[in-house]
């Protein structure tokens, strides 16, 4: 009822389904968004066929229709089913790639927000504006555009602004499990995640061993904090809690970001040197 669904229609077999093409939708979506999305999905299928390519389509644009039931069940059993769902974390990765690219190109910092903001909005449209992507985009825009007024952005205030904007657009989101999981996870991180230097103190601040230990500890703590922060919602909505997920997320979440970066590089390289694009896709 919260999603406005009045009824469910069941059809026996695909023979009872007729697909009707329609030119409906906004002009921008028809001429810019949908063709680019279709082109990306097609290129991914060409440079990385099979189950891996279907998974990459999901990582980049949230297109998971080709992922097999066995793969989905494996992710559920491992406690990392959230990786298959469109999430605000992907927006964070995209925003990081955008800012890194602008930095490499030596774009002036004052100009970066005017480039990054429209790019993030376009990515949100490419991902079909799923609620988690909209939430992540709003949060990213609050941080990025906050630099324009030359004031230090408070993470908690940015989270509050994002929540208010999302609820202003659709107040039913308050009762959506995705909304509760997204903001619960971020709020838990902001409230309980210690600073890097507070984890391990000692001489040799720049030592590789110390930095490695801090990274490992932060990864473990991040997984634990997110799991605990989302535990009440997960238990209430899904009736199950994965204990092994605390450990598997330590490796899977960074690997998800790496997969998105390599996938983006593969698509970019494929436009210039197909062999190089295939190499990135294989990785």
Protein backbone atom coordinates (compact mmCIF):
# COMPACT_ATOMS: atom_id res chain seq x y z
CA UNK A 1 0.00 0.00 0.00
CA UNK A 2 2.85 2.39 0.77
CA UNK A 3 4.01 2.08 -2.86
CA UNK A 4 0.55 2.77 -4.25
CA UNK A 5 0.05 -0.77 -5.59
CA UNK A 6 -3.65 -1.58 -5.67
CA UNK A 7 -3.38 -5.13 -6.93
CA UNK A 8 -1.15 -7.83 -8.38
CA UNK A 9 -1.84 -9.51 -11.73
CA UNK A 10 -0.43 -12.98 -12.43
CA UNK A 11 0.08 -14.32 -15.97
CA UNK A 12 0.83 -17.95 -16.81
CA UNK A 13 3.72 -18.01 -19.28
CA UNK A 14 5.26 -15.37 -21.50
CA UNK A 15 2.70 -16.14 -24.19
CA UNK A 16 0.16 -14.10 -22.29
CA UNK A 17 2.33 -10.98 -22.28
CA UNK A 18 2.33 -8.41 -25.09
CA UNK A 19 5.08 -5.78 -25.03
CA UNK A 20 3.96 -2.47 -26.47
CA UNK A 21 6.63 0.01 -27.46
CA UNK A 22 5.88 3.62 -26.65
CA UNK A 23 7.71 6.87 -27.40
CA UNK A 24 6.45 8.29 -24.13
CA UNK A 25 8.59 10.01 -21.56
CA UNK A 26 10.46 13.27 -21.37
CA UNK A 27 12.39 14.48 -24.40
CA UNK A 28 15.69 14.46 -22.48
CA UNK A 29 15.20 10.87 -21.42
CA UNK A 30 14.28 9.69 -24.92
CA UNK A 31 17.11 11.46 -26.73
CA UNK A 32 19.96 11.45 -24.21
CA UNK A 33 19.51 9.09 -21.28
CA UNK A 34 17.95 5.96 -22.77
CA UNK A 35 20.25 5.77 -25.84
CA UNK A 36 23.37 6.20 -23.66
CA UNK A 37 22.14 3.60 -21.18
CA UNK A 38 21.37 1.13 -23.98
CA UNK A 39 24.79 1.75 -25.55
CA UNK A 40 26.61 1.14 -22.26
CA UNK A 41 24.72 -2.08 -21.61
CA UNK A 42 25.42 -3.28 -25.14
CA UNK A 43 29.14 -2.51 -24.91
CA UNK A 44 29.42 -4.27 -21.55
CA UNK A 45 27.83 -7.36 -23.06
CA UNK A 46 30.36 -7.29 -25.91
CA UNK A 47 33.56 -6.79 -23.93
CA UNK A 48 32.53 -9.01 -21.01
CA UNK A 49 30.00 -11.69 -21.97
CA UNK A 50 28.47 -14.17 -19.56
CA UNK A 51 27.54 -13.90 -15.90
CA UNK A 52 30.40 -11.51 -15.14
CA UNK A 53 29.09 -9.05 -17.73
CA UNK A 54 25.60 -9.24 -16.28
CA UNK A 55 27.02 -8.50 -12.84
CA UNK A 56 28.96 -5.51 -14.22
CA UNK A 57 25.76 -4.15 -15.77
CA UNK A 58 24.23 -4.27 -12.31
CA UNK A 59 27.21 -2.55 -10.72
CA UNK A 60 27.29 0.28 -13.23
CA UNK A 61 23.62 0.94 -13.99
CA UNK A 62 21.55 -1.30 -11.73
CA UNK A 63 20.49 -3.59 -14.58
CA UNK A 64 20.27 -6.99 -12.89
CA UNK A 65 17.67 -8.73 -15.05
CA UNK A 66 20.34 -11.04 -16.51
CA UNK A 67 21.80 -12.23 -13.20
CA UNK A 68 21.00 -15.86 -12.57
CA UNK A 69 19.05 -17.11 -9.58
CA UNK A 70 22.07 -19.14 -8.43
CA UNK A 71 24.21 -16.01 -8.23
CA UNK A 72 21.54 -14.11 -6.33
CA UNK A 73 21.17 -16.98 -3.85
CA UNK A 74 24.94 -17.12 -3.36
CA UNK A 75 25.04 -13.42 -2.48
CA UNK A 76 22.15 -13.86 -0.06
CA UNK A 77 23.84 -16.80 1.67
CA UNK A 78 27.07 -14.80 1.99
CA UNK A 79 25.24 -11.89 3.59
CA UNK A 80 26.12 -9.45 0.79
CA UNK A 81 22.85 -9.33 -1.14
CA UNK A 82 22.92 -5.54 -0.83
CA UNK A 83 25.69 -5.51 -3.44
CA UNK A 84 23.14 -6.56 -6.07
CA UNK A 85 20.77 -3.76 -5.11
CA UNK A 86 21.09 -0.25 -6.46
CA UNK A 87 22.59 1.76 -3.60
CA UNK A 88 23.92 5.16 -2.69
CA UNK A 89 27.39 3.61 -2.32
CA UNK A 90 27.60 3.47 -6.10
CA UNK A 91 26.95 7.19 -6.27
CA UNK A 92 29.83 7.67 -3.83
CA UNK A 93 32.13 5.68 -6.11
CA UNK A 94 31.00 7.64 -9.17
CA UNK A 95 31.49 10.93 -7.34
CA UNK A 96 34.99 9.83 -6.30
CA UNK A 97 35.87 8.92 -9.89
CA UNK A 98 34.56 12.27 -11.12
CA UNK A 99 36.54 14.30 -8.61
CA UNK A 100 39.68 12.21 -9.22
CA UNK A 101 39.34 12.71 -12.97
CA UNK A 102 38.85 16.46 -12.60
CA UNK A 103 41.88 16.63 -10.33
CA UNK A 104 44.03 14.74 -12.84
CA UNK A 105 42.89 17.14 -15.55
CA UNK A 106 43.84 20.02 -13.23
CA UNK A 107 40.42 21.62 -13.41
CA UNK A 108 40.22 24.58 -10.98
CA UNK A 109 38.54 23.59 -7.72
CA UNK A 110 35.92 26.32 -8.07
CA UNK A 111 34.86 24.90 -11.44
CA UNK A 112 34.69 21.26 -10.29
CA UNK A 113 31.26 21.51 -8.59
CA UNK A 114 29.70 22.93 -11.77
CA UNK A 115 30.96 19.89 -13.70
CA UNK A 116 30.48 17.20 -11.04
CA UNK A 117 26.91 18.17 -10.11
CA UNK A 118 25.40 17.83 -13.64
CA UNK A 119 27.43 14.65 -14.18
CA UNK A 120 26.00 13.09 -11.01
CA UNK A 121 22.47 14.09 -12.01
CA UNK A 122 23.02 12.48 -15.42
CA UNK A 123 24.28 9.30 -13.76
CA UNK A 124 21.19 9.31 -11.55
CA UNK A 125 19.06 9.40 -14.71
CA UNK A 126 21.14 6.60 -16.28
CA UNK A 127 20.45 4.47 -13.19
CA UNK A 128 16.73 5.17 -13.75
CA UNK A 129 16.53 7.34 -10.63
CA UNK A 130 16.00 4.49 -8.20
CA UNK A 131 15.29 5.89 -4.70
CA UNK A 132 18.68 4.81 -3.23
CA UNK A 133 20.50 6.52 -6.12
CA UNK A 134 18.41 9.66 -5.64
CA UNK A 135 19.26 9.66 -1.93
CA UNK A 136 22.96 9.16 -2.62
CA UNK A 137 22.96 11.87 -5.29
CA UNK A 138 21.30 14.39 -3.00
CA UNK A 139 23.84 13.67 -0.26
CA UNK A 140 26.75 13.98 -2.71
CA UNK A 141 25.38 17.25 -4.10
CA UNK A 142 25.03 18.70 -0.61
CA UNK A 143 28.72 18.02 0.03
CA UNK A 144 29.91 19.14 -3.42
CA UNK A 145 27.83 22.30 -3.64
CA UNK A 146 28.61 23.14 -0.03
CA UNK A 147 32.10 24.12 -1.16
CA UNK A 148 30.66 26.89 -3.31
CA UNK A 149 29.74 28.93 -0.23
CA UNK A 150 33.23 28.30 1.16
CA UNK A 151 31.92 26.83 4.39
CA UNK A 152 32.92 23.57 6.00
CA UNK A 153 30.17 21.02 5.46
CA UNK A 154 28.89 19.12 8.48
CA UNK A 155 28.37 15.46 7.62
CA UNK A 156 25.39 15.13 9.93
CA UNK A 157 23.80 18.30 8.61
CA UNK A 158 24.31 17.04 5.04
CA UNK A 159 22.64 13.77 6.00
CA UNK A 160 19.73 15.67 7.54
CA UNK A 161 19.31 17.90 4.49
CA UNK A 162 19.35 14.85 2.21
CA UNK A 163 16.71 13.12 4.34
CA UNK A 164 14.48 16.22 4.40
CA UNK A 165 14.73 16.68 0.63
CA UNK A 166 13.93 13.01 -0.05
CA UNK A 167 10.94 13.12 2.31
CA UNK A 168 9.77 16.40 0.79
CA UNK A 169 9.69 14.72 -2.62
CA UNK A 170 8.02 11.55 -1.32
CA UNK A 171 7.09 11.30 2.36
CA UNK A 172 6.28 7.58 1.94
CA UNK A 173 10.02 6.93 1.74
CA UNK A 174 10.10 7.16 5.54
CA UNK A 175 8.51 3.72 5.69
CA UNK A 176 10.68 2.25 2.94
CA UNK A 177 13.26 -0.32 4.08
CA UNK A 178 15.82 1.05 1.63
CA UNK A 179 15.48 4.55 3.09
CA UNK A 180 15.86 3.23 6.63
CA UNK A 181 18.85 1.05 5.72
CA UNK A 182 20.64 3.79 3.79
CA UNK A 183 20.32 6.52 6.38
CA UNK A 184 20.73 4.11 9.27
CA UNK A 185 24.05 2.88 7.89
CA UNK A 186 25.38 6.38 7.23
CA UNK A 187 24.22 7.69 10.59
CA UNK A 188 25.89 4.78 12.38
CA UNK A 189 29.16 5.55 10.58
CA UNK A 190 28.98 9.26 11.44
CA UNK A 191 28.20 8.58 15.09
CA UNK A 192 30.48 5.67 15.92
CA UNK A 193 33.33 5.51 13.41
CA UNK A 194 36.53 6.70 15.12
CA UNK A 195 39.17 8.80 13.41
CA UNK A 196 42.04 6.93 11.68
CA UNK A 197 44.66 8.15 14.14
CA UNK A 198 42.51 7.16 17.07
CA UNK A 199 42.75 3.51 16.10
CA UNK A 200 46.50 3.05 16.38
CA UNK A 201 48.77 5.62 17.95
CA UNK A 202 52.50 5.50 17.92
CA UNK A 203 55.68 6.68 16.20
CA UNK A 204 56.18 6.43 12.49
CA UNK A 205 52.96 8.11 11.43
CA UNK A 206 53.89 7.63 7.79
CA UNK A 207 55.03 4.05 8.03
CA UNK A 208 53.52 1.60 5.60
CA UNK A 209 52.86 -0.99 8.31
CA UNK A 210 50.98 1.51 10.48
CA UNK A 211 48.88 2.73 7.57
CA UNK A 212 48.10 -0.86 6.55
CA UNK A 213 47.01 -1.77 10.08
CA UNK A 214 44.80 1.30 10.24
CA UNK A 215 43.20 0.43 6.90
CA UNK A 216 42.49 -3.14 8.03
CA UNK A 217 41.05 -2.00 11.35
CA UNK A 218 38.91 0.66 9.69
CA UNK A 219 37.56 -1.89 7.21
CA UNK A 220 36.62 -4.28 10.01
CA UNK A 221 35.10 -1.53 12.15
CA UNK A 222 33.20 -0.09 9.19
CA UNK A 223 31.64 -3.47 8.43
CA UNK A 224 30.72 -4.06 12.08
CA UNK A 225 29.26 -0.56 12.56
CA UNK A 226 27.19 -0.73 9.38
CA UNK A 227 25.94 -4.20 10.27
CA UNK A 228 24.93 -3.10 13.78
CA UNK A 229 23.40 0.14 12.48
CA UNK A 230 21.16 -1.71 10.04
CA UNK A 231 20.50 -4.75 12.25
CA UNK A 232 17.11 -3.62 13.63
CA UNK A 233 15.75 -2.78 10.16
CA UNK A 234 17.13 -5.97 8.63
CA UNK A 235 15.65 -8.15 11.35
CA UNK A 236 12.26 -6.41 11.27
CA UNK A 237 11.85 -6.26 7.49
CA UNK A 238 13.46 -9.49 6.32
CA UNK A 239 13.23 -11.73 9.36
CA UNK A 240 16.84 -12.87 9.04
CA UNK A 241 20.26 -11.62 10.09
CA UNK A 242 23.48 -12.81 8.48
CA UNK A 243 26.37 -13.16 10.93
CA UNK A 244 28.90 -14.06 8.26
CA UNK A 245 28.00 -10.86 6.42
CA UNK A 246 30.10 -8.84 8.87
CA UNK A 247 33.22 -10.65 7.60
CA UNK A 248 32.30 -10.97 3.94
CA UNK A 249 31.50 -7.27 3.62
CA UNK A 250 35.09 -6.41 4.56
CA UNK A 251 36.25 -7.84 1.24
CA UNK A 252 33.14 -7.50 -0.91
CA UNK A 253 32.41 -3.79 -0.45
CA UNK A 254 35.90 -2.60 -1.55
CA UNK A 255 35.80 -5.15 -4.39
CA UNK A 256 32.50 -3.65 -5.53
CA UNK A 257 34.08 -0.21 -5.82
CA UNK A 258 37.08 -1.67 -7.62
CA UNK A 259 34.75 -3.47 -10.03
CA UNK A 260 32.95 -0.23 -10.86
CA UNK A 261 36.25 1.58 -11.45
CA UNK A 262 37.66 -1.18 -13.65
CA UNK A 263 34.35 -1.44 -15.51
CA UNK A 264 34.35 2.29 -16.22
CA UNK A 265 37.98 2.15 -17.38
CA UNK A 266 37.14 -0.82 -19.60
CA UNK A 267 34.32 1.08 -21.29
CA UNK A 268 36.48 4.18 -21.74
CA UNK A 269 39.45 2.25 -23.07
CA UNK A 270 37.23 0.24 -25.40
CA UNK A 271 36.28 3.43 -27.20
CA UNK A 272 39.96 4.13 -27.98
CA UNK A 273 41.82 0.80 -27.94
CA UNK A 274 39.50 -2.24 -27.89
CA UNK A 275 42.31 -4.57 -26.80
CA UNK A 276 43.00 -2.41 -23.76
CA UNK A 277 39.29 -2.30 -22.94
CA UNK A 278 39.13 -6.10 -23.09
CA UNK A 279 42.12 -6.29 -20.70
CA UNK A 280 40.40 -4.08 -18.12
CA UNK A 281 37.18 -6.07 -18.58
CA UNK A 282 39.04 -9.32 -17.94
CA UNK A 283 40.44 -7.89 -14.71
